[in-house]
Amino acid sequence: MVKTAYIIAGPTAVGKTAIAIALAKRLGTEIVSADSRQCYREMSVGTAKPSAEELLVVKHHFIDTHSVTTALDAADYETLALGYLQDIFATHDAAIVCGGTGLYIKALCEGLDTMPAVSDEVVRDVNNEYETRGLQWLQHAVMEEDPDFYKEGEIKNPARLLRALIFKRSVGESIINYRTGEKKKRDFRIVRVGLELPREVLYERINTRVDKMMENGLLDEVRNLYSLRHLKNLQTVGYSELFEHIEGLYTLPEAVDKIKQNTRHYAKRQMTWFRKDKEMHWLQADDPQVVDKILVL
């Protein structure tokens, strides 16, 4: 029998976790996270991890598996996720992959292009300069040194900009020259499901979630991570804004408002990414029959 991986994707706060758990319970199977931050043990409140109760209901993989000091990328995720799926498929006919990190989902479903190695020295130098000079410097450097990537890339995504600049300085060519567009074949069936909500509903859920995170101790979590704020893993929405609050750049209400605003922007970028996937089946996250509809795809 052909094994099936159900990919549950969509923007932050749309309700992916609850639907993935409901689907996993129906199928009697397990979930692999496709979130680039929920794997870090020290980042819990701000990453909206499944609750302790949810983790007891359905077994999850790639949750709390690494320290925040460990740098992981999409290639690492491809290897890890394929390993998790192999283990699940040994005893189950289906598996669920749930998350909003588009590049991780793409890596799992289609594989990544083989890239030349980059220089450790360049990695260190570029990251140090970014930490000192910030996003505006990074954007300008990529625009000057790799205009081809700048025209096509996500210029508000520091992780992608850093990768592009490091690659250009290491290899001497634009990273886009190494994109083949060839998809790797997987030995399991893939069903891609994108969850959506009306924009005003999603944005209200985002605002409510941020308020709940603050009530649940996000500021304390960020304070505990302040000495590690230079790590790329912590240059993310919900953490960056509170680091700036701790440094006196914003009042707490201003920082919370910025988290809400930046999370809404992030959700919009996620939707832009997933909308480009022609194999995605779009369903309304608040449809009471959504699990039934997934199962007939």
Protein backbone atom coordinates (compact mmCIF):
# COMPACT_ATOMS: atom_id res chain seq x y z
CA MET A 1 0.00 0.00 0.00
CA VAL A 2 1.21 3.48 -0.86
CA LYS A 3 1.94 5.56 2.23
CA THR A 4 0.53 9.10 2.44
CA ALA A 5 1.95 12.24 4.02
CA TYR A 6 -0.68 14.90 4.64
CA ILE A 7 0.91 18.36 4.68
CA ILE A 8 -1.09 20.83 6.80
CA ALA A 9 0.21 24.31 5.93
CA GLY A 10 -0.95 27.90 6.17
CA PRO A 11 -0.26 31.15 7.99
CA THR A 12 0.45 31.52 11.68
CA ALA A 13 -2.60 31.39 13.99
CA VAL A 14 -4.89 29.91 11.31
CA GLY A 15 -5.46 26.76 13.41
CA LYS A 16 -3.09 24.22 11.87
CA THR A 17 -2.25 22.41 15.11
CA ALA A 18 -5.84 21.64 16.11
CA ILE A 19 -6.74 20.36 12.64
CA ALA A 20 -3.54 18.30 12.36
CA ILE A 21 -4.26 16.66 15.72
CA ALA A 22 -7.87 15.93 14.74
CA LEU A 23 -6.65 14.40 11.47
CA ALA A 24 -3.94 12.37 13.22
CA LYS A 25 -6.50 10.99 15.68
CA ARG A 26 -8.80 9.97 12.83
CA LEU A 27 -5.93 8.20 11.08
CA GLY A 28 -4.33 6.82 14.24
CA THR A 29 -0.96 8.27 13.32
CA GLU A 30 1.74 10.79 14.34
CA ILE A 31 2.71 14.37 13.46
CA VAL A 32 5.98 15.83 12.17
CA SER A 33 6.36 19.55 12.84
CA ALA A 34 7.35 21.79 9.94
CA ASP A 35 8.07 24.82 12.09
CA SER A 36 11.61 26.20 12.10
CA ARG A 37 11.43 27.39 15.74
CA GLN A 38 9.30 24.87 17.64
CA CYS A 39 12.20 22.42 17.58
CA TYR A 40 14.12 24.63 20.03
CA ARG A 41 13.61 23.69 23.68
CA GLU A 42 14.17 27.23 24.99
CA MET A 43 11.55 28.81 22.70
CA SER A 44 8.10 27.72 23.81
CA VAL A 45 5.70 30.55 24.58
CA GLY A 46 6.66 32.65 21.57
CA THR A 47 6.53 29.78 19.07
CA ALA A 48 3.01 28.60 19.94
CA LYS A 49 4.09 25.00 20.42
CA PRO A 50 1.41 22.37 20.91
CA SER A 51 0.41 22.27 24.57
CA ALA A 52 1.54 19.51 26.93
CA GLU A 53 -1.96 18.05 26.69
CA GLU A 54 -1.88 18.08 22.87
CA LEU A 55 1.52 16.40 22.86
CA LEU A 56 0.09 13.62 25.02
CA VAL A 57 -2.86 13.09 22.68
CA VAL A 58 -0.75 12.63 19.53
CA LYS A 59 2.96 11.89 19.27
CA HIS A 60 4.87 14.79 17.69
CA HIS A 61 8.31 14.79 16.08
CA PHE A 62 10.68 17.79 15.74
CA ILE A 63 9.33 19.50 18.86
CA ASP A 64 11.86 20.36 21.62
CA THR A 65 14.52 18.32 19.85
CA HIS A 66 17.38 20.86 19.74
CA SER A 67 18.99 23.65 21.71
CA VAL A 68 18.52 27.20 20.44
CA THR A 69 22.31 27.34 20.00
CA THR A 70 22.06 24.74 17.22
CA ALA A 71 21.83 26.20 13.72
CA LEU A 72 19.47 24.20 11.51
CA ASP A 73 18.52 24.89 7.91
CA ALA A 74 16.14 23.48 5.33
CA ALA A 75 18.64 20.83 4.23
CA ASP A 76 18.90 19.59 7.82
CA TYR A 77 15.13 19.54 8.02
CA GLU A 78 14.81 17.52 4.82
CA THR A 79 17.04 14.81 6.28
CA LEU A 80 15.39 14.84 9.70
CA ALA A 81 11.82 14.89 8.41
CA LEU A 82 12.38 12.07 5.94
CA GLY A 83 13.80 10.04 8.82
CA TYR A 84 10.77 10.77 11.01
CA LEU A 85 8.42 9.79 8.18
CA GLN A 86 10.31 6.56 7.56
CA ASP A 87 9.87 5.64 11.21
CA ILE A 88 6.16 6.50 11.16
CA PHE A 89 5.52 4.64 7.91
CA ALA A 90 7.06 1.51 9.40
CA THR A 91 3.88 1.07 11.45
CA HIS A 92 1.33 3.47 9.91
CA ASP A 93 -0.13 4.02 6.45
CA ALA A 94 -0.29 7.79 6.86
CA ALA A 95 1.59 10.61 8.59
CA ILE A 96 0.83 14.28 9.20
CA VAL A 97 3.28 17.13 8.60
CA CYS A 98 2.14 20.38 10.18
CA GLY A 99 3.71 23.82 10.08
CA GLY A 100 4.10 27.18 8.44
CA THR A 101 7.76 27.23 7.41
CA GLY A 102 7.38 27.16 3.64
CA LEU A 103 10.98 26.35 2.79
CA TYR A 104 10.98 23.38 5.16
CA ILE A 105 7.81 22.02 3.55
CA LYS A 106 9.28 22.54 0.09
CA ALA A 107 12.47 20.75 1.14
CA LEU A 108 10.50 17.76 2.40
CA CYS A 109 8.14 17.53 -0.57
CA GLU A 110 10.51 18.37 -3.41
CA GLY A 111 14.07 18.27 -2.09
CA LEU A 112 16.68 21.00 -2.32
CA ASP A 113 19.26 21.78 -4.95
CA THR A 114 22.83 20.65 -4.29
CA MET A 115 24.91 23.68 -3.36
CA PRO A 116 28.66 24.28 -3.08
CA ALA A 117 30.01 24.60 0.45
CA VAL A 118 30.35 28.10 1.88
CA SER A 119 33.26 29.50 3.86
CA ASP A 120 33.02 29.29 7.66
CA GLU A 121 35.01 32.52 7.84
CA VAL A 122 32.55 34.30 5.56
CA VAL A 123 29.63 32.97 7.61
CA ARG A 124 31.20 34.36 10.78
CA ASP A 125 32.10 37.71 9.25
CA VAL A 126 28.70 38.31 7.60
CA ASN A 127 26.76 37.32 10.72
CA ASN A 128 28.95 39.55 12.89
CA GLU A 129 28.44 42.48 10.54
CA TYR A 130 24.70 41.90 10.43
CA GLU A 131 24.53 41.82 14.24
CA THR A 132 26.42 45.13 14.36
CA ARG A 133 24.81 47.00 11.47
CA GLY A 134 21.34 45.49 11.15
CA LEU A 135 18.81 44.66 8.44
CA GLN A 136 19.17 47.86 6.45
CA TRP A 137 22.89 47.18 5.95
CA LEU A 138 22.13 43.58 4.97
CA GLN A 139 19.53 44.62 2.40
CA HIS A 140 21.91 47.17 0.88
CA ALA A 141 24.79 44.68 0.74
CA VAL A 142 22.67 42.10 -1.09
CA MET A 143 21.32 44.76 -3.46
CA GLU A 144 24.89 45.84 -4.31
CA GLU A 145 26.57 42.43 -4.46
CA ASP A 146 23.78 40.16 -5.70
CA PRO A 147 21.19 42.27 -7.53
CA ASP A 148 19.72 39.17 -9.21
CA PHE A 149 18.78 37.66 -5.85
CA TYR A 150 17.62 41.04 -4.55
CA LYS A 151 15.16 41.31 -7.45
CA GLU A 152 13.71 37.85 -6.79
CA GLY A 153 14.36 37.24 -3.11
CA GLU A 154 12.56 38.04 0.10
CA ILE A 155 14.26 41.29 1.03
CA LYS A 156 12.55 41.48 4.43
CA ASN A 157 13.68 37.99 5.43
CA PRO A 158 17.11 38.28 7.10
CA ALA A 159 17.73 34.51 7.03
CA ARG A 160 17.37 34.38 3.21
CA LEU A 161 19.39 37.58 2.76
CA LEU A 162 22.20 36.26 4.97
CA ARG A 163 22.28 32.99 3.03
CA ALA A 164 22.41 34.83 -0.30
CA LEU A 165 25.20 37.18 0.80
CA ILE A 166 27.25 34.40 2.40
CA PHE A 167 26.88 32.30 -0.74
CA LYS A 168 27.88 35.14 -3.07
CA ARG A 169 30.95 36.04 -1.02
CA SER A 170 31.97 32.39 -0.67
CA VAL A 171 31.29 31.07 -4.16
CA GLY A 172 31.45 34.23 -6.24
CA GLU A 173 28.10 33.60 -7.92
CA SER A 174 24.47 34.25 -7.10
CA ILE A 175 22.70 31.45 -5.29
CA ILE A 176 19.89 31.64 -7.84
CA ASN A 177 22.27 30.25 -10.49
CA TYR A 178 22.22 26.95 -8.61
CA ARG A 179 18.47 26.56 -8.56
CA THR A 180 17.62 23.75 -10.97
CA GLY A 181 13.91 23.52 -10.34
CA GLU A 182 14.16 19.72 -10.42
CA LYS A 183 11.94 17.95 -7.90
CA LYS A 184 13.13 14.83 -6.11
CA LYS A 185 10.82 11.84 -6.24
CA ARG A 186 9.48 10.59 -2.92
CA ASP A 187 8.38 7.01 -2.31
CA PHE A 188 5.19 8.16 -0.60
CA ARG A 189 2.09 10.07 -1.70
CA ILE A 190 1.94 13.73 -0.70
CA VAL A 191 -1.34 15.59 -0.11
CA ARG A 192 -0.78 19.33 0.44
CA VAL A 193 -3.50 21.18 2.33
CA GLY A 194 -3.44 24.94 2.80
CA LEU A 195 -5.66 26.36 5.54
CA GLU A 196 -7.03 29.89 5.25
CA LEU A 197 -9.39 32.30 6.97
CA PRO A 198 -10.79 35.69 5.99
CA ARG A 199 -8.07 38.27 6.60
CA GLU A 200 -9.93 40.16 9.35
CA VAL A 201 -10.59 36.90 11.21
CA LEU A 202 -6.98 35.78 10.93
CA TYR A 203 -5.64 39.15 12.07
CA GLU A 204 -7.94 39.14 15.09
CA ARG A 205 -6.71 35.64 15.97
CA ILE A 206 -3.13 36.86 15.67
CA ASN A 207 -3.79 39.78 18.00
CA THR A 208 -5.53 37.53 20.53
CA ARG A 209 -2.71 34.99 20.37
CA VAL A 210 -0.06 37.63 21.06
CA ASP A 211 -2.02 38.86 24.09
CA LYS A 212 -2.25 35.26 25.32
CA MET A 213 1.49 34.77 24.85
CA MET A 214 2.17 37.81 26.99
CA GLU A 215 -0.17 36.47 29.67
CA ASN A 216 1.63 33.12 29.53
CA GLY A 217 5.05 34.64 30.23
CA LEU A 218 6.61 35.54 26.89
CA LEU A 219 8.49 38.48 28.40
CA ASP A 220 10.09 36.23 31.03
CA GLU A 221 11.03 33.72 28.33
CA VAL A 222 12.68 36.48 26.30
CA ARG A 223 14.51 37.84 29.36
CA ASN A 224 15.98 34.38 29.95
CA LEU A 225 17.25 34.35 26.35
CA TYR A 226 18.56 37.92 26.30
CA SER A 227 22.24 36.91 26.56
CA LEU A 228 21.77 34.81 23.41
CA ARG A 229 19.95 37.52 21.43
CA HIS A 230 22.73 37.57 18.81
CA LEU A 231 21.79 34.05 17.62
CA LYS A 232 20.04 33.89 14.26
CA ASN A 233 17.43 31.54 15.73
CA LEU A 234 16.29 34.35 18.02
CA GLN A 235 16.05 36.97 15.28
CA THR A 236 12.39 36.24 14.90
CA VAL A 237 9.01 37.85 15.53
CA GLY A 238 8.02 37.97 19.19
CA TYR A 239 11.59 37.85 20.41
CA SER A 240 13.27 40.67 18.49
CA GLU A 241 10.67 43.22 19.58
CA LEU A 242 10.95 42.29 23.25
CA PHE A 243 14.75 42.35 23.12
CA GLU A 244 14.37 45.93 21.89
CA HIS A 245 11.95 46.67 24.75
CA ILE A 246 14.49 45.32 27.25
CA GLU A 247 17.09 47.63 25.68
CA GLY A 248 14.77 50.59 26.22
CA LEU A 249 13.87 51.22 22.58
CA TYR A 250 10.14 50.67 23.11
CA THR A 251 7.69 50.63 25.99
CA LEU A 252 6.10 47.24 26.60
CA PRO A 253 2.77 48.23 24.96
CA GLU A 254 4.69 49.53 21.93
CA ALA A 255 6.66 46.28 21.69
CA VAL A 256 3.48 44.20 21.92
CA ASP A 257 1.87 46.28 19.18
CA LYS A 258 4.98 45.71 17.03
CA ILE A 259 4.77 41.96 17.61
CA LYS A 260 1.16 41.99 16.42
CA GLN A 261 2.01 44.10 13.38
CA ASN A 262 5.05 42.03 12.41
CA THR A 263 3.15 38.78 12.93
CA ARG A 264 0.43 40.01 10.57
CA HIS A 265 3.12 40.87 8.02
CA TYR A 266 4.66 37.42 8.48
CA ALA A 267 1.28 35.75 7.92
CA LYS A 268 0.89 37.72 4.70
CA ARG A 269 4.33 36.53 3.50
CA GLN A 270 3.44 32.95 4.37
CA MET A 271 0.27 33.17 2.28
CA THR A 272 2.21 34.65 -0.62
CA TRP A 273 4.64 31.71 -0.45
CA PHE A 274 2.00 28.99 -0.17
CA ARG A 275 -0.21 30.53 -2.88
CA LYS A 276 2.61 29.87 -5.36
CA ASP A 277 2.32 26.13 -4.71
CA LYS A 278 0.07 24.80 -7.47
CA GLU A 279 -0.37 21.46 -5.67
CA MET A 280 -1.90 23.03 -2.56
CA HIS A 281 -5.55 22.24 -1.84
CA TRP A 282 -7.08 25.24 -0.07
CA LEU A 283 -9.69 24.73 2.65
CA GLN A 284 -11.33 27.02 5.19
CA ALA A 285 -9.80 26.41 8.62
CA ASP A 286 -13.11 27.09 10.39
CA ASP A 287 -15.10 24.62 8.26
CA PRO A 288 -16.55 21.97 10.65
CA GLN A 289 -16.06 19.37 7.89
CA VAL A 290 -12.44 20.26 7.14
CA VAL A 291 -10.99 16.92 8.34
CA ASP A 292 -13.51 14.97 6.26
CA LYS A 293 -12.62 17.07 3.23
CA ILE A 294 -8.90 16.42 3.75
CA LEU A 295 -9.47 12.68 3.90
CA VAL A 296 -11.11 12.56 0.44
CA LEU A 297 -8.25 14.40 -1.29
